[in-house]
Amino acid sequence: MEPTMLRQCETPDGLSAPLAALWWDARNDWARAHEAAQSVETAEGAWVHAYLHRKEGDLPNADYWYRRAGRRRPAVPLEQEWAEIAAAL
């Protein structure tokens, strides 16, 4: 995700639901980020969903979503995981 996208007031056009979730998260709107992440039944959506629950501090729920994404909870800072997800998507 381009840094300039994060400065926009509206969700940039063409973002997938998982990327839109990351965009809302970067704008400190966890509820909208969570809504976007759970709106899709894909591994990418599950990965973002897991990250959001990890950020929230709900680790059992995060671990469930990491499993759905085919991943394990990482031992990296949240900011690093956000950047890794954004780069991968």
PDB file of N, CA and C in Angstrom:
ATOM      1  N   MET A   1       0.853  -1.169   0.000  1.00  0.00           N
ATOM      2  CA  MET A   1       0.000   0.000   0.000  1.00  0.00           C
ATOM      3  C   MET A   1       0.899   1.233   0.000  1.00  0.00           C
ATOM      4  N   GLU A   2       0.625   2.116  -0.914  1.00  0.00           N
ATOM      5  CA  GLU A   2       1.410   3.342  -1.035  1.00  0.00           C
ATOM      6  C   GLU A   2       1.165   4.256   0.170  1.00  0.00           C
ATOM      7  N   PRO A   3       2.232   4.863   0.715  1.00  0.00           N
ATOM      8  CA  PRO A   3       2.055   5.779   1.858  1.00  0.00           C
ATOM      9  C   PRO A   3       1.076   6.913   1.586  1.00  0.00           C
ATOM     10  N   THR A   4       1.002   7.386   0.347  1.00  0.00           N
ATOM     11  CA  THR A   4       0.069   8.472   0.038  1.00  0.00           C
ATOM     12  C   THR A   4      -1.379   8.026   0.201  1.00  0.00           C
ATOM     13  N   MET A   5      -1.635   6.733   0.038  1.00  0.00           N
ATOM     14  CA  MET A   5      -2.999   6.227   0.208  1.00  0.00           C
ATOM     15  C   MET A   5      -3.479   6.402   1.642  1.00  0.00           C
ATOM     16  N   LEU A   6      -2.563   6.339   2.582  1.00  0.00           N
ATOM     17  CA  LEU A   6      -2.943   6.439   3.987  1.00  0.00           C
ATOM     18  C   LEU A   6      -3.382   7.843   4.367  1.00  0.00           C
ATOM     19  N   ARG A   7      -3.011   8.829   3.559  1.00  0.00           N
ATOM     20  CA  ARG A   7      -3.388  10.214   3.859  1.00  0.00           C
ATOM     21  C   ARG A   7      -4.745  10.589   3.282  1.00  0.00           C
ATOM     22  N   GLN A   8      -5.312   9.733   2.445  1.00  0.00           N
ATOM     23  CA  GLN A   8      -6.604  10.032   1.846  1.00  0.00           C
ATOM     24  C   GLN A   8      -7.706   9.960   2.894  1.00  0.00           C
ATOM     25  N   CYS A   9      -8.737  10.780   2.704  1.00  0.00           N
ATOM     26  CA  CYS A   9      -9.856  10.821   3.649  1.00  0.00           C
ATOM     27  C   CYS A   9     -10.860   9.701   3.415  1.00  0.00           C
ATOM     28  N   GLU A  10     -10.922   9.200   2.212  1.00  0.00           N
ATOM     29  CA  GLU A  10     -11.842   8.127   1.856  1.00  0.00           C
ATOM     30  C   GLU A  10     -11.039   6.899   1.464  1.00  0.00           C
ATOM     31  N   THR A  11     -11.643   5.740   1.640  1.00  0.00           N
ATOM     32  CA  THR A  11     -10.980   4.507   1.240  1.00  0.00           C
ATOM     33  C   THR A  11     -10.617   4.601  -0.239  1.00  0.00           C
ATOM     34  N   PRO A  12      -9.345   4.406  -0.581  1.00  0.00           N
ATOM     35  CA  PRO A  12      -8.955   4.491  -1.993  1.00  0.00           C
ATOM     36  C   PRO A  12      -9.707   3.477  -2.855  1.00  0.00           C
ATOM     37  N   ASP A  13     -10.022   3.880  -4.070  1.00  0.00           N
ATOM     38  CA  ASP A  13     -10.724   3.004  -5.003  1.00  0.00           C
ATOM     39  C   ASP A  13      -9.872   1.784  -5.325  1.00  0.00           C
ATOM     40  N   GLY A  14     -10.552   0.669  -5.491  1.00  0.00           N
ATOM     41  CA  GLY A  14      -9.878  -0.527  -5.962  1.00  0.00           C
ATOM     42  C   GLY A  14      -9.204  -1.383  -4.915  1.00  0.00           C
ATOM     43  N   LEU A  15      -9.294  -0.989  -3.650  1.00  0.00           N
ATOM     44  CA  LEU A  15      -8.675  -1.810  -2.610  1.00  0.00           C
ATOM     45  C   LEU A  15      -9.520  -3.056  -2.352  1.00  0.00           C
ATOM     46  N   SER A  16      -8.859  -4.181  -2.195  1.00  0.00           N
ATOM     47  CA  SER A  16      -9.565  -5.384  -1.772  1.00  0.00           C
ATOM     48  C   SER A  16     -10.028  -5.181  -0.335  1.00  0.00           C
ATOM     49  N   ALA A  17     -10.949  -6.012   0.115  1.00  0.00           N
ATOM     50  CA  ALA A  17     -11.443  -5.894   1.498  1.00  0.00           C
ATOM     51  C   ALA A  17     -10.309  -6.035   2.515  1.00  0.00           C
ATOM     52  N   PRO A  18      -9.380  -6.993   2.345  1.00  0.00           N
ATOM     53  CA  PRO A  18      -8.286  -7.066   3.318  1.00  0.00           C
ATOM     54  C   PRO A  18      -7.408  -5.813   3.338  1.00  0.00           C
ATOM     55  N   LEU A  19      -7.123  -5.246   2.163  1.00  0.00           N
ATOM     56  CA  LEU A  19      -6.339  -4.009   2.130  1.00  0.00           C
ATOM     57  C   LEU A  19      -7.125  -2.832   2.689  1.00  0.00           C
ATOM     58  N   ALA A  20      -8.415  -2.801   2.439  1.00  0.00           N
ATOM     59  CA  ALA A  20      -9.245  -1.745   3.026  1.00  0.00           C
ATOM     60  C   ALA A  20      -9.222  -1.866   4.547  1.00  0.00           C
ATOM     61  N   ALA A  21      -9.225  -3.090   5.053  1.00  0.00           N
ATOM     62  CA  ALA A  21      -9.148  -3.288   6.501  1.00  0.00           C
ATOM     63  C   ALA A  21      -7.846  -2.718   7.052  1.00  0.00           C
ATOM     64  N   LEU A  22      -6.745  -2.956   6.355  1.00  0.00           N
ATOM     65  CA  LEU A  22      -5.468  -2.388   6.800  1.00  0.00           C
ATOM     66  C   LEU A  22      -5.502  -0.871   6.724  1.00  0.00           C
ATOM     67  N   TRP A  23      -6.148  -0.336   5.694  1.00  0.00           N
ATOM     68  CA  TRP A  23      -6.261   1.117   5.550  1.00  0.00           C
ATOM     69  C   TRP A  23      -7.014   1.693   6.747  1.00  0.00           C
ATOM     70  N   TRP A  24      -8.159   1.064   7.107  1.00  0.00           N
ATOM     71  CA  TRP A  24      -8.921   1.551   8.265  1.00  0.00           C
ATOM     72  C   TRP A  24      -8.112   1.397   9.548  1.00  0.00           C
ATOM     73  N   ASP A  25      -7.371   0.313   9.663  1.00  0.00           N
ATOM     74  CA  ASP A  25      -6.544   0.122  10.851  1.00  0.00           C
ATOM     75  C   ASP A  25      -5.491   1.230  10.962  1.00  0.00           C
ATOM     76  N   ALA A  26      -4.882   1.580   9.855  1.00  0.00           N
ATOM     77  CA  ALA A  26      -3.872   2.646   9.861  1.00  0.00           C
ATOM     78  C   ALA A  26      -4.480   3.986  10.260  1.00  0.00           C
ATOM     79  N   ARG A  27      -5.783   4.124  10.074  1.00  0.00           N
ATOM     80  CA  ARG A  27      -6.485   5.354  10.452  1.00  0.00           C
ATOM     81  C   ARG A  27      -7.103   5.231  11.842  1.00  0.00           C
ATOM     82  N   ASN A  28      -6.701   4.192  12.567  1.00  0.00           N
ATOM     83  CA  ASN A  28      -7.149   3.971  13.952  1.00  0.00           C
ATOM     84  C   ASN A  28      -8.652   3.756  14.084  1.00  0.00           C
ATOM     85  N   ASP A  29      -9.235   3.088  13.098  1.00  0.00           N
ATOM     86  CA  ASP A  29     -10.656   2.741  13.166  1.00  0.00           C
ATOM     87  C   ASP A  29     -10.753   1.216  13.172  1.00  0.00           C
ATOM     88  N   TRP A  30     -10.545   0.629  14.365  1.00  0.00           N
ATOM     89  CA  TRP A  30     -10.509  -0.822  14.493  1.00  0.00           C
ATOM     90  C   TRP A  30     -11.835  -1.442  14.070  1.00  0.00           C
ATOM     91  N   ALA A  31     -12.945  -0.836  14.432  1.00  0.00           N
ATOM     92  CA  ALA A  31     -14.256  -1.409  14.123  1.00  0.00           C
ATOM     93  C   ALA A  31     -14.466  -1.531  12.614  1.00  0.00           C
ATOM     94  N   ARG A  32     -14.152  -0.490  11.867  1.00  0.00           N
ATOM     95  CA  ARG A  32     -14.308  -0.559  10.408  1.00  0.00           C
ATOM     96  C   ARG A  32     -13.298  -1.521   9.804  1.00  0.00           C
ATOM     97  N   ALA A  33     -12.088  -1.558  10.359  1.00  0.00           N
ATOM     98  CA  ALA A  33     -11.082  -2.501   9.871  1.00  0.00           C
ATOM     99  C   ALA A  33     -11.573  -3.935  10.068  1.00  0.00           C
ATOM    100  N   HIS A  34     -12.112  -4.205  11.236  1.00  0.00           N
ATOM    101  CA  HIS A  34     -12.614  -5.545  11.547  1.00  0.00           C
ATOM    102  C   HIS A  34     -13.775  -5.907  10.624  1.00  0.00           C
ATOM    103  N   GLU A  35     -14.669  -4.975  10.398  1.00  0.00           N
ATOM    104  CA  GLU A  35     -15.808  -5.208   9.509  1.00  0.00           C
ATOM    105  C   GLU A  35     -15.340  -5.576   8.098  1.00  0.00           C
ATOM    106  N   ALA A  36     -14.354  -4.852   7.599  1.00  0.00           N
ATOM    107  CA  ALA A  36     -13.837  -5.132   6.255  1.00  0.00           C
ATOM    108  C   ALA A  36     -13.139  -6.487   6.209  1.00  0.00           C
ATOM    109  N   ALA A  37     -12.352  -6.795   7.227  1.00  0.00           N
ATOM    110  CA  ALA A  37     -11.614  -8.061   7.244  1.00  0.00           C
ATOM    111  C   ALA A  37     -12.550  -9.258   7.294  1.00  0.00           C
ATOM    112  N   GLN A  38     -13.608  -9.155   8.056  1.00  0.00           N
ATOM    113  CA  GLN A  38     -14.498 -10.301   8.189  1.00  0.00           C
ATOM    114  C   GLN A  38     -15.528 -10.381   7.075  1.00  0.00           C
ATOM    115  N   SER A  39     -15.482  -9.439   6.153  1.00  0.00           N
ATOM    116  CA  SER A  39     -16.457  -9.441   5.056  1.00  0.00           C
ATOM    117  C   SER A  39     -16.097 -10.425   3.950  1.00  0.00           C
ATOM    118  N   VAL A  40     -14.902 -11.001   4.008  1.00  0.00           N
ATOM    119  CA  VAL A  40     -14.471 -11.957   2.979  1.00  0.00           C
ATOM    120  C   VAL A  40     -14.026 -13.255   3.629  1.00  0.00           C
ATOM    121  N   GLU A  41     -14.255 -14.350   2.936  1.00  0.00           N
ATOM    122  CA  GLU A  41     -13.883 -15.674   3.431  1.00  0.00           C
ATOM    123  C   GLU A  41     -12.672 -16.182   2.657  1.00  0.00           C
ATOM    124  N   THR A  42     -11.567 -15.448   2.775  1.00  0.00           N
ATOM    125  CA  THR A  42     -10.334 -15.837   2.089  1.00  0.00           C
ATOM    126  C   THR A  42      -9.210 -15.940   3.108  1.00  0.00           C
ATOM    127  N   ALA A  43      -8.113 -16.568   2.695  1.00  0.00           N
ATOM    128  CA  ALA A  43      -6.942 -16.652   3.573  1.00  0.00           C
ATOM    129  C   ALA A  43      -6.397 -15.260   3.877  1.00  0.00           C
ATOM    130  N   GLU A  44      -6.451 -14.370   2.891  1.00  0.00           N
ATOM    131  CA  GLU A  44      -5.959 -13.005   3.101  1.00  0.00           C
ATOM    132  C   GLU A  44      -6.817 -12.269   4.127  1.00  0.00           C
ATOM    133  N   GLY A  45      -8.133 -12.424   4.000  1.00  0.00           N
ATOM    134  CA  GLY A  45      -9.031 -11.808   4.974  1.00  0.00           C
ATOM    135  C   GLY A  45      -8.820 -12.369   6.364  1.00  0.00           C
ATOM    136  N   ALA A  46      -8.600 -13.674   6.448  1.00  0.00           N
ATOM    137  CA  ALA A  46      -8.348 -14.306   7.744  1.00  0.00           C
ATOM    138  C   ALA A  46      -7.043 -13.803   8.346  1.00  0.00           C
ATOM    139  N   TRP A  47      -6.034 -13.570   7.511  1.00  0.00           N
ATOM    140  CA  TRP A  47      -4.744 -13.069   8.009  1.00  0.00           C
ATOM    141  C   TRP A  47      -4.911 -11.674   8.612  1.00  0.00           C
ATOM    142  N   VAL A  48      -5.606 -10.806   7.914  1.00  0.00           N
ATOM    143  CA  VAL A  48      -5.841  -9.457   8.440  1.00  0.00           C
ATOM    144  C   VAL A  48      -6.710  -9.530   9.691  1.00  0.00           C
ATOM    145  N   HIS A  49      -7.710 -10.385   9.652  1.00  0.00           N
ATOM    146  CA  HIS A  49      -8.589 -10.578  10.802  1.00  0.00           C
ATOM    147  C   HIS A  49      -7.772 -11.018  12.015  1.00  0.00           C
ATOM    148  N   ALA A  50      -6.844 -11.947  11.799  1.00  0.00           N
ATOM    149  CA  ALA A  50      -5.974 -12.419  12.877  1.00  0.00           C
ATOM    150  C   ALA A  50      -5.127 -11.278  13.441  1.00  0.00           C
ATOM    151  N   TYR A  51      -4.521 -10.519  12.546  1.00  0.00           N
ATOM    152  CA  TYR A  51      -3.703  -9.372  12.959  1.00  0.00           C
ATOM    153  C   TYR A  51      -4.520  -8.413  13.826  1.00  0.00           C
ATOM    154  N   LEU A  52      -5.754  -8.132  13.401  1.00  0.00           N
ATOM    155  CA  LEU A  52      -6.586  -7.192  14.150  1.00  0.00           C
ATOM    156  C   LEU A  52      -6.896  -7.704  15.552  1.00  0.00           C
ATOM    157  N   HIS A  53      -7.176  -8.994  15.681  1.00  0.00           N
ATOM    158  CA  HIS A  53      -7.441  -9.537  17.017  1.00  0.00           C
ATOM    159  C   HIS A  53      -6.163  -9.596  17.845  1.00  0.00           C
ATOM    160  N   ARG A  54      -5.029  -9.825  17.203  1.00  0.00           N
ATOM    161  CA  ARG A  54      -3.749  -9.756  17.924  1.00  0.00           C
ATOM    162  C   ARG A  54      -3.541  -8.338  18.458  1.00  0.00           C
ATOM    163  N   LYS A  55      -3.811  -7.354  17.615  1.00  0.00           N
ATOM    164  CA  LYS A  55      -3.653  -5.955  18.023  1.00  0.00           C
ATOM    165  C   LYS A  55      -4.593  -5.625  19.169  1.00  0.00           C
ATOM    166  N   GLU A  56      -5.794  -6.168  19.112  1.00  0.00           N
ATOM    167  CA  GLU A  56      -6.795  -5.952  20.152  1.00  0.00           C
ATOM    168  C   GLU A  56      -6.377  -6.607  21.469  1.00  0.00           C
ATOM    169  N   GLY A  57      -5.517  -7.620  21.395  1.00  0.00           N
ATOM    170  CA  GLY A  57      -5.088  -8.340  22.586  1.00  0.00           C
ATOM    171  C   GLY A  57      -5.851  -9.625  22.826  1.00  0.00           C
ATOM    172  N   ASP A  58      -6.731 -10.003  21.897  1.00  0.00           N
ATOM    173  CA  ASP A  58      -7.513 -11.236  22.005  1.00  0.00           C
ATOM    174  C   ASP A  58      -6.744 -12.354  21.300  1.00  0.00           C
ATOM    175  N   LEU A  59      -5.711 -12.876  21.971  1.00  0.00           N
ATOM    176  CA  LEU A  59      -4.809 -13.834  21.338  1.00  0.00           C
ATOM    177  C   LEU A  59      -5.459 -15.169  20.992  1.00  0.00           C
ATOM    178  N   PRO A  60      -6.359 -15.713  21.824  1.00  0.00           N
ATOM    179  CA  PRO A  60      -7.002 -16.967  21.400  1.00  0.00           C
ATOM    180  C   PRO A  60      -7.793 -16.795  20.095  1.00  0.00           C
ATOM    181  N   ASN A  61      -8.509 -15.684  19.966  1.00  0.00           N
ATOM    182  CA  ASN A  61      -9.254 -15.420  18.744  1.00  0.00           C
ATOM    183  C   ASN A  61      -8.293 -15.170  17.585  1.00  0.00           C
ATOM    184  N   ALA A  62      -7.222 -14.440  17.839  1.00  0.00           N
ATOM    185  CA  ALA A  62      -6.214 -14.205  16.805  1.00  0.00           C
ATOM    186  C   ALA A  62      -5.648 -15.533  16.308  1.00  0.00           C
ATOM    187  N   ASP A  63      -5.316 -16.419  17.235  1.00  0.00           N
ATOM    188  CA  ASP A  63      -4.745 -17.709  16.841  1.00  0.00           C
ATOM    189  C   ASP A  63      -5.710 -18.513  15.981  1.00  0.00           C
ATOM    190  N   TYR A  64      -6.991 -18.448  16.288  1.00  0.00           N
ATOM    191  CA  TYR A  64      -7.998 -19.115  15.465  1.00  0.00           C
ATOM    192  C   TYR A  64      -7.925 -18.598  14.026  1.00  0.00           C
ATOM    193  N   TRP A  65      -7.872 -17.271  13.881  1.00  0.00           N
ATOM    194  CA  TRP A  65      -7.843 -16.685  12.545  1.00  0.00           C
ATOM    195  C   TRP A  65      -6.518 -16.927  11.852  1.00  0.00           C
ATOM    196  N   TYR A  66      -5.404 -16.957  12.587  1.00  0.00           N
ATOM    197  CA  TYR A  66      -4.125 -17.324  11.960  1.00  0.00           C
ATOM    198  C   TYR A  66      -4.220 -18.740  11.396  1.00  0.00           C
ATOM    199  N   ARG A  67      -4.815 -19.662  12.146  1.00  0.00           N
ATOM    200  CA  ARG A  67      -4.985 -21.026  11.641  1.00  0.00           C
ATOM    201  C   ARG A  67      -5.837 -21.030  10.379  1.00  0.00           C
ATOM    202  N   ARG A  68      -6.920 -20.260  10.356  1.00  0.00           N
ATOM    203  CA  ARG A  68      -7.774 -20.172   9.165  1.00  0.00           C
ATOM    204  C   ARG A  68      -6.992 -19.622   7.965  1.00  0.00           C
ATOM    205  N   ALA A  69      -6.012 -18.778   8.256  1.00  0.00           N
ATOM    206  CA  ALA A  69      -5.189 -18.198   7.194  1.00  0.00           C
ATOM    207  C   ALA A  69      -4.033 -19.114   6.800  1.00  0.00           C
ATOM    208  N   GLY A  70      -3.862 -20.228   7.536  1.00  0.00           N
ATOM    209  CA  GLY A  70      -2.745 -21.125   7.266  1.00  0.00           C
ATOM    210  C   GLY A  70      -1.423 -20.575   7.767  1.00  0.00           C
ATOM    211  N   ARG A  71      -1.483 -19.818   8.851  1.00  0.00           N
ATOM    212  CA  ARG A  71      -0.292 -19.154   9.406  1.00  0.00           C
ATOM    213  C   ARG A  71      -0.227 -19.366  10.914  1.00  0.00           C
ATOM    214  N   ARG A  72       0.892 -18.954  11.468  1.00  0.00           N
ATOM    215  CA  ARG A  72       1.067 -18.925  12.924  1.00  0.00           C
ATOM    216  C   ARG A  72       1.231 -17.477  13.353  1.00  0.00           C
ATOM    217  N   ARG A  73       0.854 -17.222  14.596  1.00  0.00           N
ATOM    218  CA  ARG A  73       1.031 -15.865  15.124  1.00  0.00           C
ATOM    219  C   ARG A  73       2.518 -15.521  15.100  1.00  0.00           C
ATOM    220  N   PRO A  74       2.872 -14.406  14.485  1.00  0.00           N
ATOM    221  CA  PRO A  74       4.287 -14.050  14.388  1.00  0.00           C
ATOM    222  C   PRO A  74       4.813 -13.460  15.699  1.00  0.00           C
ATOM    223  N   ALA A  75       6.115 -13.509  15.842  1.00  0.00           N
ATOM    224  CA  ALA A  75       6.773 -12.938  17.016  1.00  0.00           C
ATOM    225  C   ALA A  75       7.460 -11.631  16.637  1.00  0.00           C
ATOM    226  N   VAL A  76       6.778 -10.847  15.805  1.00  0.00           N
ATOM    227  CA  VAL A  76       7.310  -9.548  15.372  1.00  0.00           C
ATOM    228  C   VAL A  76       6.382  -8.460  15.893  1.00  0.00           C
ATOM    229  N   PRO A  77       6.866  -7.228  15.966  1.00  0.00           N
ATOM    230  CA  PRO A  77       5.987  -6.130  16.389  1.00  0.00           C
ATOM    231  C   PRO A  77       4.806  -5.975  15.426  1.00  0.00           C
ATOM    232  N   LEU A  78       3.708  -5.457  15.944  1.00  0.00           N
ATOM    233  CA  LEU A  78       2.506  -5.267  15.134  1.00  0.00           C
ATOM    234  C   LEU A  78       2.779  -4.423  13.894  1.00  0.00           C
ATOM    235  N   GLU A  79       3.585  -3.389  14.031  1.00  0.00           N
ATOM    236  CA  GLU A  79       3.881  -2.516  12.895  1.00  0.00           C
ATOM    237  C   GLU A  79       4.572  -3.289  11.782  1.00  0.00           C
ATOM    238  N   GLN A  80       5.446  -4.206  12.159  1.00  0.00           N
ATOM    239  CA  GLN A  80       6.147  -5.008  11.162  1.00  0.00           C
ATOM    240  C   GLN A  80       5.180  -5.982  10.486  1.00  0.00           C
ATOM    241  N   GLU A  81       4.297  -6.594  11.276  1.00  0.00           N
ATOM    242  CA  GLU A  81       3.334  -7.503  10.665  1.00  0.00           C
ATOM    243  C   GLU A  81       2.419  -6.744   9.707  1.00  0.00           C
ATOM    244  N   TRP A  82       1.962  -5.549  10.089  1.00  0.00           N
ATOM    245  CA  TRP A  82       1.104  -4.745   9.222  1.00  0.00           C
ATOM    246  C   TRP A  82       1.803  -4.516   7.895  1.00  0.00           C
ATOM    247  N   ALA A  83       3.074  -4.114   7.952  1.00  0.00           N
ATOM    248  CA  ALA A  83       3.836  -3.838   6.729  1.00  0.00           C
ATOM    249  C   ALA A  83       4.009  -5.098   5.888  1.00  0.00           C
ATOM    250  N   GLU A  84       4.230  -6.230   6.532  1.00  0.00           N
ATOM    251  CA  GLU A  84       4.382  -7.496   5.803  1.00  0.00           C
ATOM    252  C   GLU A  84       3.084  -7.892   5.114  1.00  0.00           C
ATOM    253  N   ILE A  85       1.970  -7.721   5.810  1.00  0.00           N
ATOM    254  CA  ILE A  85       0.673  -8.051   5.196  1.00  0.00           C
ATOM    255  C   ILE A  85       0.414  -7.114   4.020  1.00  0.00           C
ATOM    256  N   ALA A  86       0.613  -5.828   4.226  1.00  0.00           N
ATOM    257  CA  ALA A  86       0.356  -4.854   3.171  1.00  0.00           C
ATOM    258  C   ALA A  86       1.226  -5.154   1.940  1.00  0.00           C
ATOM    259  N   ALA A  87       2.477  -5.503   2.158  1.00  0.00           N
ATOM    260  CA  ALA A  87       3.376  -5.810   1.031  1.00  0.00           C
ATOM    261  C   ALA A  87       2.933  -7.080   0.305  1.00  0.00           C
ATOM    262  N   ALA A  88       2.479  -8.070   1.071  1.00  0.00           N
ATOM    263  CA  ALA A  88       2.060  -9.338   0.473  1.00  0.00           C
ATOM    264  C   ALA A  88       0.764  -9.199  -0.323  1.00  0.00           C
ATOM    265  N   LEU A  89      -0.111  -8.310   0.136  1.00  0.00           N
ATOM    266  CA  LEU A  89      -1.396  -8.157  -0.546  1.00  0.00           C
ATOM    267  C   LEU A  89      -1.334  -7.143  -1.671  1.00  0.00           C
TER     268      LEU A  89
END
